[in-house]
C-alpha atoms as a PDB file:
ATOM      1  CA  MET A   1       0.096   0.134  -0.051  1.00  0.00           C
ATOM      2  CA  GLU A   2       1.298   3.118  -1.100  1.00  0.00           C
ATOM      3  CA  PHE A   3       0.567   6.523   0.019  1.00  0.00           C
ATOM      4  CA  ASN A   4      -1.354   8.615  -2.256  1.00  0.00           C
ATOM      5  CA  LEU A   5      -1.582  12.185  -1.580  1.00  0.00           C
ATOM      6  CA  ASN A   6      -4.261  12.706  -4.270  1.00  0.00           C
ATOM      7  CA  GLU A   7      -6.486  10.291  -2.723  1.00  0.00           C
ATOM      8  CA  PHE A   8      -5.648  11.484   0.874  1.00  0.00           C
ATOM      9  CA  ILE A   9      -6.839  15.068   0.028  1.00  0.00           C
ATOM     10  CA  TRP A  10     -10.059  13.713  -1.729  1.00  0.00           C
ATOM     11  CA  THR A  11     -10.865  11.572   1.272  1.00  0.00           C
ATOM     12  CA  ILE A  12     -10.300  14.501   3.439  1.00  0.00           C
ATOM     13  CA  ILE A  13     -12.408  16.817   1.268  1.00  0.00           C
ATOM     14  CA  ASN A  14     -14.983  14.183   1.071  1.00  0.00           C
ATOM     15  CA  PHE A  15     -14.932  13.478   4.904  1.00  0.00           C
ATOM     16  CA  ILE A  16     -15.472  17.447   5.435  1.00  0.00           C
ATOM     17  CA  VAL A  17     -18.143  17.699   2.629  1.00  0.00           C
ATOM     18  CA  PHE A  18     -19.665  14.553   4.360  1.00  0.00           C
ATOM     19  CA  PHE A  19     -19.323  16.084   7.870  1.00  0.00           C
ATOM     20  CA  LEU A  20     -20.945  19.536   6.524  1.00  0.00           C
ATOM     21  CA  LEU A  21     -23.814  17.752   4.975  1.00  0.00           C
ATOM     22  CA  LEU A  22     -24.403  15.618   7.932  1.00  0.00           C
ATOM     23  CA  ARG A  23     -24.094  18.756  10.185  1.00  0.00           C
ATOM     24  CA  ILE A  24     -26.697  20.607   8.032  1.00  0.00           C
ATOM     25  CA  ILE A  25     -29.079  17.749   7.434  1.00  0.00           C
ATOM     26  CA  LEU A  26     -28.786  15.774  10.467  1.00  0.00           C
ATOM     27  CA  PHE A  27     -27.438  17.488  13.200  1.00  0.00           C
ATOM     28  CA  LYS A  28     -28.852  20.876  13.241  1.00  0.00           C
ATOM     29  CA  PRO A  29     -32.475  19.294  13.282  1.00  0.00           C
ATOM     30  CA  ILE A  30     -31.329  16.844  15.954  1.00  0.00           C
ATOM     31  CA  LEU A  31     -29.694  19.732  18.268  1.00  0.00           C
ATOM     32  CA  LYS A  32     -32.706  21.884  17.437  1.00  0.00           C
ATOM     33  CA  ASN A  33     -35.044  19.143  18.738  1.00  0.00           C
ATOM     34  CA  ILE A  34     -32.819  18.474  21.455  1.00  0.00           C
ATOM     35  CA  GLU A  35     -33.026  22.412  22.325  1.00  0.00           C
ATOM     36  CA  THR A  36     -36.615  22.464  21.851  1.00  0.00           C
ATOM     37  CA  ARG A  37     -37.076  19.501  24.350  1.00  0.00           C
ATOM     38  CA  ARG A  38     -34.566  20.841  26.748  1.00  0.00           C
ATOM     39  CA  GLN A  39     -36.883  24.197  26.749  1.00  0.00           C
ATOM     40  CA  GLU A  40     -40.181  22.205  27.170  1.00  0.00           C
ATOM     41  CA  ILE A  41     -38.658  20.338  30.032  1.00  0.00           C
ATOM     42  CA  GLU A  42     -37.381  23.216  31.657  1.00  0.00           C
ATOM     43  CA  GLN A  43     -40.845  24.889  31.246  1.00  0.00           C
ATOM     44  CA  SER A  44     -42.554  22.029  32.562  1.00  0.00           C
ATOM     45  CA  LEU A  45     -40.185  21.837  35.705  1.00  0.00           C
ATOM     46  CA  GLN A  46     -41.122  25.637  36.210  1.00  0.00           C
ATOM     47  CA  ARG A  47     -44.908  25.064  35.755  1.00  0.00           C
ATOM     48  CA  ALA A  48     -44.495  22.089  38.181  1.00  0.00           C
ATOM     49  CA  GLU A  49     -42.391  24.427  40.752  1.00  0.00           C
ATOM     50  CA  GLU A  50     -45.236  26.887  40.365  1.00  0.00           C
ATOM     51  CA  ALA A  51     -48.046  24.138  41.078  1.00  0.00           C
ATOM     52  CA  ASN A  52     -46.037  22.956  43.952  1.00  0.00           C
ATOM     53  CA  ARG A  53     -46.004  26.320  45.447  1.00  0.00           C
ATOM     54  CA  GLU A  54     -49.454  27.062  44.454  1.00  0.00           C
ATOM     55  CA  ALA A  55     -50.462  23.548  46.423  1.00  0.00           C
ATOM     56  CA  GLU A  56     -48.441  24.407  49.329  1.00  0.00           C
ATOM     57  CA  ALA A  57     -50.208  27.905  49.337  1.00  0.00           C
ATOM     58  CA  LEU A  58     -53.545  26.299  49.253  1.00  0.00           C
ATOM     59  CA  ARG A  59     -52.783  23.481  51.774  1.00  0.00           C
ATOM     60  CA  ARG A  60     -51.667  26.493  54.288  1.00  0.00           C
ATOM     61  CA  ASP A  61     -54.763  28.188  53.559  1.00  0.00           C
ATOM     62  CA  PHE A  62     -56.846  25.032  54.183  1.00  0.00           C
ATOM     63  CA  ALA A  63     -55.048  24.285  57.389  1.00  0.00           C
ATOM     64  CA  GLU A  64     -55.885  27.884  58.441  1.00  0.00           C
ATOM     65  CA  GLN A  65     -59.441  27.526  57.516  1.00  0.00           C
ATOM     66  CA  VAL A  66     -59.716  24.034  59.283  1.00  0.00           C
ATOM     67  CA  ALA A  67     -58.144  25.603  62.544  1.00  0.00           C
ATOM     68  CA  ALA A  68     -60.504  28.699  62.204  1.00  0.00           C
ATOM     69  CA  ALA A  69     -63.213  26.230  62.105  1.00  0.00           C
ATOM     70  CA  ARG A  70     -62.073  24.301  65.002  1.00  0.00           C
ATOM     71  CA  ARG A  71     -61.697  27.346  67.062  1.00  0.00           C
ATOM     72  CA  GLU A  72     -65.142  28.498  66.023  1.00  0.00           C
ATOM     73  CA  ALA A  73     -66.643  25.085  66.761  1.00  0.00           C
ATOM     74  CA  GLN A  74     -64.963  25.281  70.162  1.00  0.00           C
ATOM     75  CA  GLU A  75     -66.389  28.711  70.845  1.00  0.00           C
ATOM     76  CA  ILE A  76     -69.745  27.518  69.865  1.00  0.00           C
ATOM     77  CA  VAL A  77     -69.575  24.540  72.263  1.00  0.00           C
ATOM     78  CA  SER A  78     -68.209  26.663  75.007  1.00  0.00           C
ATOM     79  CA  ARG A  79     -71.073  29.164  74.561  1.00  0.00           C
ATOM     80  CA  ALA A  80     -73.711  26.382  74.289  1.00  0.00           C
ATOM     81  CA  MET A  81     -72.306  24.763  77.438  1.00  0.00           C
ATOM     82  CA  LYS A  82     -72.194  28.258  79.415  1.00  0.00           C
ATOM     83  CA  ASP A  83     -75.847  28.769  78.154  1.00  0.00           C
ATOM     84  CA  VAL A  84     -76.962  25.419  79.400  1.00  0.00           C
ATOM     85  CA  GLU A  85     -75.173  26.039  82.706  1.00  0.00           C
ATOM     86  CA  GLU A  86     -76.761  29.359  83.227  1.00  0.00           C
ATOM     87  CA  THR A  87     -80.098  27.972  82.268  1.00  0.00           C
ATOM     88  CA  ARG A  88     -79.615  25.031  84.817  1.00  0.00           C
ATOM     89  CA  MET A  89     -78.616  27.512  87.239  1.00  0.00           C
ATOM     90  CA  ARG A  90     -81.665  29.665  86.786  1.00  0.00           C
ATOM     91  CA  LYS A  91     -84.019  26.687  86.647  1.00  0.00           C
ATOM     92  CA  LEU A  92     -82.363  25.578  89.863  1.00  0.00           C
ATOM     93  CA  ALA A  93     -82.904  28.975  91.704  1.00  0.00           C
ATOM     94  CA  GLU A  94     -86.476  28.952  90.391  1.00  0.00           C
ATOM     95  CA  ILE A  95     -87.265  25.447  91.690  1.00  0.00           C
ATOM     96  CA  GLU A  96     -85.520  26.491  94.869  1.00  0.00           C
ATOM     97  CA  GLU A  97     -87.579  29.720  95.282  1.00  0.00           C
ATOM     98  CA  GLU A  98     -90.785  27.611  94.553  1.00  0.00           C
ATOM     99  CA  ALA A  99     -89.841  24.871  97.084  1.00  0.00           C
ATOM    100  CA  ALA A 100     -89.275  27.897  99.628  1.00  0.00           C
ATOM    101  CA  ARG A 101     -92.713  29.445  98.867  1.00  0.00           C
ATOM    102  CA  ARG A 102     -94.424  25.905  99.173  1.00  0.00           C
ATOM    103  CA  LEU A 103     -92.627  25.353 102.498  1.00  0.00           C
ATOM    104  CA  GLU A 104     -93.539  28.997 103.532  1.00  0.00           C
ATOM    105  CA  LYS A 105     -97.215  28.405 102.679  1.00  0.00           C
ATOM    106  CA  ALA A 106     -97.082  24.912 104.391  1.00  0.00           C
ATOM    107  CA  GLU A 107     -95.344  26.598 107.641  1.00  0.00           C
ATOM    108  CA  GLU A 108     -98.390  29.268 107.546  1.00  0.00           C
ATOM    109  CA  ALA A 109    -100.990  26.516 107.000  1.00  0.00           C
ATOM    110  CA  ILE A 110     -99.659  24.471 109.710  1.00  0.00           C
ATOM    111  CA  ARG A 111     -99.249  27.355 112.127  1.00  0.00           C
ATOM    112  CA  ARG A 112    -102.873  28.541 111.375  1.00  0.00           C
ATOM    113  CA  GLU A 113    -104.142  24.958 111.954  1.00  0.00           C
ATOM    114  CA  LYS A 114    -102.250  24.940 115.158  1.00  0.00           C
ATOM    115  CA  GLU A 115    -103.740  28.122 116.297  1.00  0.00           C
ATOM    116  CA  LEU A 116    -107.252  26.870 115.386  1.00  0.00           C
ATOM    117  CA  ALA A 117    -106.625  23.653 117.297  1.00  0.00           C
ATOM    118  CA  ILE A 118    -105.504  25.552 120.269  1.00  0.00           C
ATOM    119  CA  ALA A 119    -108.405  27.743 120.040  1.00  0.00           C
ATOM    120  CA  ALA A 120    -110.833  24.771 119.779  1.00  0.00           C
ATOM    121  CA  LEU A 121    -108.778  23.152 122.885  1.00  0.00           C
ATOM    122  CA  ARG A 122    -109.024  26.209 124.826  1.00  0.00           C
ATOM    123  CA  GLU A 123    -112.714  26.484 124.057  1.00  0.00           C
ATOM    124  CA  GLU A 124    -113.446  22.945 124.819  1.00  0.00           C
ATOM    125  CA  ALA A 125    -111.469  23.250 128.086  1.00  0.00           C
ATOM    126  CA  ALA A 126    -113.240  26.435 128.815  1.00  0.00           C
ATOM    127  CA  ASN A 127    -116.515  24.245 128.312  1.00  0.00           C
ATOM    128  CA  LEU A 128    -115.373  21.654 130.468  1.00  0.00           C
ATOM    129  CA  ALA A 129    -114.387  23.861 133.154  1.00  0.00           C
ATOM    130  CA  ILE A 130    -117.692  25.650 133.106  1.00  0.00           C
ATOM    131  CA  LEU A 131    -119.298  22.178 133.464  1.00  0.00           C
ATOM    132  CA  ALA A 132    -116.960  21.204 136.280  1.00  0.00           C
ATOM    133  CA  ALA A 133    -117.445  24.400 138.057  1.00  0.00           C
ATOM    134  CA  GLY A 134    -121.145  24.321 137.479  1.00  0.00           C
ATOM    135  CA  LYS A 135    -121.121  20.603 139.371  1.00  0.00           C
ATOM    136  CA  VAL A 136    -118.891  21.984 141.999  1.00  0.00           C
ATOM    137  CA  ILE A 137    -120.820  24.881 142.869  1.00  0.00           C
ATOM    138  CA  GLU A 138    -123.967  23.004 142.057  1.00  0.00           C
ATOM    139  CA  ARG A 139    -125.672  25.977 140.867  1.00  0.00           C
ATOM    140  CA  SER A 140    -126.267  27.449 137.359  1.00  0.00           C
ATOM    141  CA  LEU A 141    -124.318  30.651 136.781  1.00  0.00           C
ATOM    142  CA  ASP A 142    -125.759  33.268 134.796  1.00  0.00           C
ATOM    143  CA  SER A 143    -124.365  34.122 131.342  1.00  0.00           C
ATOM    144  CA  GLU A 144    -122.299  37.048 132.486  1.00  0.00           C
ATOM    145  CA  ASP A 145    -120.701  34.673 135.315  1.00  0.00           C
ATOM    146  CA  ASN A 146    -120.001  32.223 132.466  1.00  0.00           C
ATOM    147  CA  ARG A 147    -118.354  34.476 130.127  1.00  0.00           C
ATOM    148  CA  ARG A 148    -116.186  35.869 132.855  1.00  0.00           C
ATOM    149  CA  LEU A 149    -115.014  32.625 134.285  1.00  0.00           C
ATOM    150  CA  VAL A 150    -114.283  31.409 130.354  1.00  0.00           C
ATOM    151  CA  ARG A 151    -112.188  34.582 129.874  1.00  0.00           C
ATOM    152  CA  ASP A 152    -110.274  33.955 133.115  1.00  0.00           C
ATOM    153  CA  PHE A 153    -109.686  30.385 132.311  1.00  0.00           C
ATOM    154  CA  ILE A 154    -108.485  31.147 128.620  1.00  0.00           C
ATOM    155  CA  ASN A 155    -106.328  33.787 129.951  1.00  0.00           C
ATOM    156  CA  GLU A 156    -104.892  31.498 132.550  1.00  0.00           C
ATOM    157  CA  VAL A 157    -104.337  28.677 130.115  1.00  0.00           C
ATOM    158  CA  GLY A 158    -103.065  31.095 127.422  1.00  0.00           C
ATOM    159  CA  ALA A 159    -100.486  32.187 130.169  1.00  0.00           C
ATOM    160  CA  LYS A 160     -99.128  28.851 130.873  1.00  0.00           C
ATOM    161  CA  GLN A 161     -98.130  28.352 127.015  1.00  0.00           C
END
C-alpha cells in the first residue's frame, strides 16, 4: 500500500463535505429538537414548581381554615355549655324559690291549723271547766258569770303556754 496524496486530499475533502452535509441535514435538526425538548422540560419544571408553590399555599390556607373552623366550633360549644349551665342554674334557683314558697305556705297553714286547734282546745277546756265548776258549785251561773269564768280560764291557760 502506497500512500497517495491525491487520494488522501480527496478523502479529507469528502469527509469534510460529508461532515458538513450531516451537520446541515442531520445534526442541526437533531440539535434543534434537543434544544426544543430541553426548553419544554425546563418550562414543565417551572410549571411544576409553580404548581407546587400554589398547592403549598392552598394547603396552608386550608389548614388555617380548618384551624379557624375548629376554634369557632369550640367557641360555639363553649357558649352552648355556658348557656346550658346558666339555664340550669336559673331553673335550679326557680325550683328552690318555689320550694321555699311552698314550704312557707305549708308552715303558715300549719301555724294557722295549730292556732285553730289551740283555740278549739281552749274553748273545749273552757266548756269543760264551766261544766266542772257548775257541778262543783251546783248551781247554774248566769251568762255573765259564765263569760267571765271562760275569759279568766282562757287567759290562765294562754299564760301557761
